[in-house]
Amino acid sequence: MESAGLVTRRRDPGNRRLHVVELTAGGHALFFRLRDAAAAFDEQLRTGLSEQDIVLLETLLTRLRDNVTTHSAAMPRSASSQARTLRK
């Protein structure tokens, strides 16, 4: 990022072991372009969804994630691989 001109890096005068990293004007411009692109894509994804739809989707995705992480953590590694093999 430094070589691309997006950030500057210098030693902290009060503690030479630390580096102070700051966005350059180009870094700020890129950040805002990427932020705007992400917001536009998020808006496109949510087109036609009500607030209730979005809440339901978040709830279901959270439940799916929890099911996978809880189930995977509870299963021994070999049992987890066997379960994957059986599902195929």
N, C-alpha and C. Protein backbone atom coordinates (compact mmCIF):
# COMPACT_ATOMS: atom_id res chain seq x y z
N MET A 1 0.82 -1.18 0.00
CA MET A 1 0.00 0.00 0.00
C MET A 1 0.88 1.26 0.00
N GLU A 2 1.99 1.15 0.69
CA GLU A 2 2.90 2.30 0.71
C GLU A 2 3.48 2.54 -0.67
N SER A 3 3.91 1.47 -1.33
CA SER A 3 4.51 1.62 -2.66
C SER A 3 3.48 2.07 -3.70
N ALA A 4 2.21 1.79 -3.44
CA ALA A 4 1.15 2.24 -4.34
C ALA A 4 0.73 3.68 -4.05
N GLY A 5 1.32 4.28 -3.01
CA GLY A 5 1.01 5.67 -2.69
C GLY A 5 -0.28 5.85 -1.92
N LEU A 6 -0.77 4.78 -1.29
CA LEU A 6 -2.03 4.86 -0.56
C LEU A 6 -1.84 5.23 0.91
N VAL A 7 -0.67 4.91 1.46
CA VAL A 7 -0.37 5.22 2.86
C VAL A 7 1.06 5.74 2.97
N THR A 8 1.29 6.47 4.05
CA THR A 8 2.67 6.83 4.42
C THR A 8 2.95 6.15 5.75
N ARG A 9 4.21 5.84 5.95
CA ARG A 9 4.61 5.16 7.18
C ARG A 9 5.87 5.83 7.70
N ARG A 10 5.84 6.13 8.99
CA ARG A 10 7.03 6.73 9.62
C ARG A 10 7.12 6.24 11.05
N ARG A 11 8.28 6.36 11.62
CA ARG A 11 8.49 5.98 13.02
C ARG A 11 7.83 7.00 13.94
N ASP A 12 7.30 6.53 15.03
CA ASP A 12 6.74 7.40 16.06
C ASP A 12 7.91 8.05 16.79
N PRO A 13 7.97 9.38 16.83
CA PRO A 13 9.11 10.04 17.48
C PRO A 13 9.20 9.73 18.98
N GLY A 14 8.07 9.46 19.62
CA GLY A 14 8.06 9.17 21.05
C GLY A 14 8.43 7.72 21.37
N ASN A 15 8.30 6.82 20.40
CA ASN A 15 8.61 5.41 20.60
C ASN A 15 9.04 4.85 19.25
N ARG A 16 10.32 4.78 19.01
CA ARG A 16 10.87 4.40 17.71
C ARG A 16 10.50 2.98 17.28
N ARG A 17 9.98 2.19 18.21
CA ARG A 17 9.56 0.84 17.83
C ARG A 17 8.22 0.83 17.11
N LEU A 18 7.46 1.92 17.22
CA LEU A 18 6.14 2.01 16.60
C LEU A 18 6.21 2.72 15.27
N HIS A 19 5.32 2.32 14.37
CA HIS A 19 5.17 3.01 13.09
C HIS A 19 3.83 3.73 13.09
N VAL A 20 3.82 4.93 12.56
CA VAL A 20 2.59 5.68 12.36
C VAL A 20 2.23 5.53 10.88
N VAL A 21 1.06 4.99 10.62
CA VAL A 21 0.62 4.77 9.24
C VAL A 21 -0.59 5.66 9.01
N GLU A 22 -0.54 6.43 7.92
CA GLU A 22 -1.63 7.36 7.60
C GLU A 22 -2.00 7.23 6.13
N LEU A 23 -3.29 7.40 5.85
CA LEU A 23 -3.74 7.40 4.46
C LEU A 23 -3.26 8.67 3.77
N THR A 24 -2.87 8.53 2.53
CA THR A 24 -2.55 9.68 1.70
C THR A 24 -3.86 10.18 1.07
N ALA A 25 -3.78 11.26 0.32
CA ALA A 25 -4.96 11.75 -0.40
C ALA A 25 -5.49 10.66 -1.33
N GLY A 26 -4.56 9.97 -2.00
CA GLY A 26 -4.95 8.86 -2.88
C GLY A 26 -5.59 7.72 -2.10
N GLY A 27 -5.08 7.45 -0.90
CA GLY A 27 -5.66 6.40 -0.05
C GLY A 27 -7.06 6.76 0.39
N HIS A 28 -7.26 8.02 0.74
CA HIS A 28 -8.60 8.48 1.12
C HIS A 28 -9.56 8.35 -0.06
N ALA A 29 -9.11 8.76 -1.24
CA ALA A 29 -9.96 8.70 -2.43
C ALA A 29 -10.36 7.25 -2.74
N LEU A 30 -9.39 6.34 -2.66
CA LEU A 30 -9.69 4.93 -2.92
C LEU A 30 -10.64 4.39 -1.87
N PHE A 31 -10.43 4.73 -0.60
CA PHE A 31 -11.32 4.27 0.47
C PHE A 31 -12.76 4.69 0.17
N PHE A 32 -12.96 5.96 -0.18
CA PHE A 32 -14.32 6.44 -0.44
C PHE A 32 -14.93 5.80 -1.68
N ARG A 33 -14.12 5.56 -2.71
CA ARG A 33 -14.64 4.87 -3.91
C ARG A 33 -15.08 3.46 -3.56
N LEU A 34 -14.26 2.74 -2.79
CA LEU A 34 -14.60 1.37 -2.41
C LEU A 34 -15.81 1.34 -1.48
N ARG A 35 -15.88 2.31 -0.55
CA ARG A 35 -17.02 2.38 0.36
C ARG A 35 -18.31 2.61 -0.43
N ASP A 36 -18.26 3.52 -1.37
CA ASP A 36 -19.45 3.82 -2.18
C ASP A 36 -19.85 2.62 -3.04
N ALA A 37 -18.88 1.91 -3.59
CA ALA A 37 -19.18 0.73 -4.40
C ALA A 37 -19.80 -0.36 -3.53
N ALA A 38 -19.29 -0.55 -2.32
CA ALA A 38 -19.86 -1.56 -1.41
C ALA A 38 -21.28 -1.19 -1.01
N ALA A 39 -21.53 0.10 -0.74
CA ALA A 39 -22.87 0.55 -0.36
C ALA A 39 -23.85 0.36 -1.53
N ALA A 40 -23.40 0.65 -2.75
CA ALA A 40 -24.26 0.49 -3.92
C ALA A 40 -24.59 -0.99 -4.14
N PHE A 41 -23.60 -1.86 -3.95
CA PHE A 41 -23.84 -3.30 -4.12
C PHE A 41 -24.78 -3.81 -3.04
N ASP A 42 -24.61 -3.34 -1.80
CA ASP A 42 -25.49 -3.73 -0.71
C ASP A 42 -26.93 -3.30 -1.02
N GLU A 43 -27.07 -2.10 -1.54
CA GLU A 43 -28.41 -1.60 -1.92
C GLU A 43 -29.02 -2.48 -3.01
N GLN A 44 -28.21 -2.87 -3.99
CA GLN A 44 -28.69 -3.75 -5.06
C GLN A 44 -29.13 -5.09 -4.49
N LEU A 45 -28.34 -5.67 -3.58
CA LEU A 45 -28.70 -6.95 -2.97
C LEU A 45 -30.02 -6.89 -2.22
N ARG A 46 -30.27 -5.77 -1.56
CA ARG A 46 -31.46 -5.65 -0.72
C ARG A 46 -32.70 -5.16 -1.48
N THR A 47 -32.57 -4.89 -2.78
CA THR A 47 -33.70 -4.41 -3.56
C THR A 47 -34.85 -5.40 -3.47
N GLY A 48 -36.02 -4.87 -3.14
CA GLY A 48 -37.21 -5.71 -3.06
C GLY A 48 -37.39 -6.43 -1.73
N LEU A 49 -36.45 -6.27 -0.81
CA LEU A 49 -36.56 -6.91 0.50
C LEU A 49 -37.08 -5.90 1.51
N SER A 50 -38.06 -6.32 2.30
CA SER A 50 -38.55 -5.45 3.36
C SER A 50 -37.61 -5.56 4.57
N GLU A 51 -37.81 -4.67 5.52
CA GLU A 51 -37.02 -4.76 6.76
C GLU A 51 -37.26 -6.10 7.44
N GLN A 52 -38.51 -6.59 7.40
CA GLN A 52 -38.82 -7.90 7.99
C GLN A 52 -38.05 -9.01 7.27
N ASP A 53 -37.98 -8.93 5.94
CA ASP A 53 -37.23 -9.92 5.16
C ASP A 53 -35.76 -9.93 5.59
N ILE A 54 -35.21 -8.75 5.75
CA ILE A 54 -33.79 -8.63 6.10
C ILE A 54 -33.53 -9.18 7.50
N VAL A 55 -34.42 -8.88 8.44
CA VAL A 55 -34.28 -9.41 9.80
C VAL A 55 -34.38 -10.94 9.77
N LEU A 56 -35.33 -11.48 9.01
CA LEU A 56 -35.49 -12.93 8.91
C LEU A 56 -34.25 -13.56 8.28
N LEU A 57 -33.74 -12.95 7.23
CA LEU A 57 -32.54 -13.47 6.57
C LEU A 57 -31.36 -13.49 7.53
N GLU A 58 -31.15 -12.40 8.26
CA GLU A 58 -30.05 -12.35 9.23
C GLU A 58 -30.22 -13.41 10.30
N THR A 59 -31.46 -13.62 10.76
CA THR A 59 -31.73 -14.63 11.79
C THR A 59 -31.42 -16.03 11.26
N LEU A 60 -31.86 -16.31 10.03
CA LEU A 60 -31.63 -17.64 9.45
C LEU A 60 -30.15 -17.89 9.18
N LEU A 61 -29.46 -16.88 8.65
CA LEU A 61 -28.03 -17.05 8.39
C LEU A 61 -27.25 -17.25 9.69
N THR A 62 -27.63 -16.52 10.72
CA THR A 62 -26.98 -16.70 12.03
C THR A 62 -27.23 -18.11 12.56
N ARG A 63 -28.46 -18.59 12.41
CA ARG A 63 -28.77 -19.94 12.87
C ARG A 63 -27.96 -20.98 12.11
N LEU A 64 -27.86 -20.82 10.79
CA LEU A 64 -27.06 -21.75 9.99
C LEU A 64 -25.60 -21.74 10.43
N ARG A 65 -25.04 -20.53 10.63
CA ARG A 65 -23.65 -20.43 11.08
C ARG A 65 -23.48 -21.11 12.44
N ASP A 66 -24.40 -20.83 13.35
CA ASP A 66 -24.31 -21.44 14.68
C ASP A 66 -24.43 -22.95 14.62
N ASN A 67 -25.31 -23.45 13.75
CA ASN A 67 -25.46 -24.90 13.60
C ASN A 67 -24.16 -25.54 13.13
N VAL A 68 -23.51 -24.89 12.20
CA VAL A 68 -22.27 -25.44 11.65
C VAL A 68 -21.14 -25.35 12.68
N THR A 69 -20.99 -24.21 13.32
CA THR A 69 -19.87 -24.05 14.25
C THR A 69 -20.07 -24.89 15.50
N THR A 70 -21.29 -24.97 16.00
CA THR A 70 -21.56 -25.79 17.19
C THR A 70 -21.39 -27.26 16.85
N HIS A 71 -21.94 -27.67 15.72
CA HIS A 71 -21.88 -29.07 15.32
C HIS A 71 -20.43 -29.48 15.03
N SER A 72 -19.69 -28.64 14.31
CA SER A 72 -18.30 -28.97 13.97
C SER A 72 -17.42 -29.02 15.21
N ALA A 73 -17.64 -28.11 16.15
CA ALA A 73 -16.83 -28.07 17.36
C ALA A 73 -17.11 -29.29 18.24
N ALA A 74 -18.34 -29.79 18.21
CA ALA A 74 -18.71 -30.92 19.06
C ALA A 74 -18.25 -32.25 18.47
N MET A 75 -18.04 -32.29 17.17
CA MET A 75 -17.65 -33.53 16.51
C MET A 75 -16.14 -33.70 16.48
N PRO A 76 -15.66 -34.90 16.76
CA PRO A 76 -14.22 -35.14 16.54
C PRO A 76 -13.91 -34.98 15.06
N ARG A 77 -12.69 -34.67 14.74
CA ARG A 77 -12.28 -34.40 13.36
C ARG A 77 -12.64 -35.55 12.43
N SER A 78 -12.37 -36.78 12.83
CA SER A 78 -12.63 -37.93 11.96
C SER A 78 -14.13 -38.12 11.76
N ALA A 79 -14.94 -37.89 12.77
CA ALA A 79 -16.40 -38.02 12.64
C ALA A 79 -16.93 -36.96 11.69
N SER A 80 -16.36 -35.76 11.76
CA SER A 80 -16.78 -34.69 10.87
C SER A 80 -16.50 -35.06 9.42
N SER A 81 -15.34 -35.65 9.13
CA SER A 81 -15.02 -36.06 7.75
C SER A 81 -15.94 -37.18 7.31
N GLN A 82 -16.27 -38.10 8.22
CA GLN A 82 -17.17 -39.20 7.87
C GLN A 82 -18.55 -38.64 7.52
N ALA A 83 -19.02 -37.65 8.27
CA ALA A 83 -20.33 -37.07 8.01
C ALA A 83 -20.35 -36.42 6.64
N ARG A 84 -19.26 -35.74 6.25
CA ARG A 84 -19.19 -35.13 4.93
C ARG A 84 -19.23 -36.20 3.85
N THR A 85 -18.53 -37.29 4.06
CA THR A 85 -18.49 -38.37 3.09
C THR A 85 -19.89 -38.98 2.92
N LEU A 86 -20.60 -39.16 4.01
CA LEU A 86 -21.94 -39.75 3.95
C LEU A 86 -22.92 -38.84 3.21
N ARG A 87 -22.75 -37.54 3.32
CA ARG A 87 -23.67 -36.61 2.67
C ARG A 87 -23.47 -36.58 1.16
N LYS A 88 -22.32 -36.95 0.67
CA LYS A 88 -22.05 -36.93 -0.77
C LYS A 88 -22.78 -38.01 -1.41
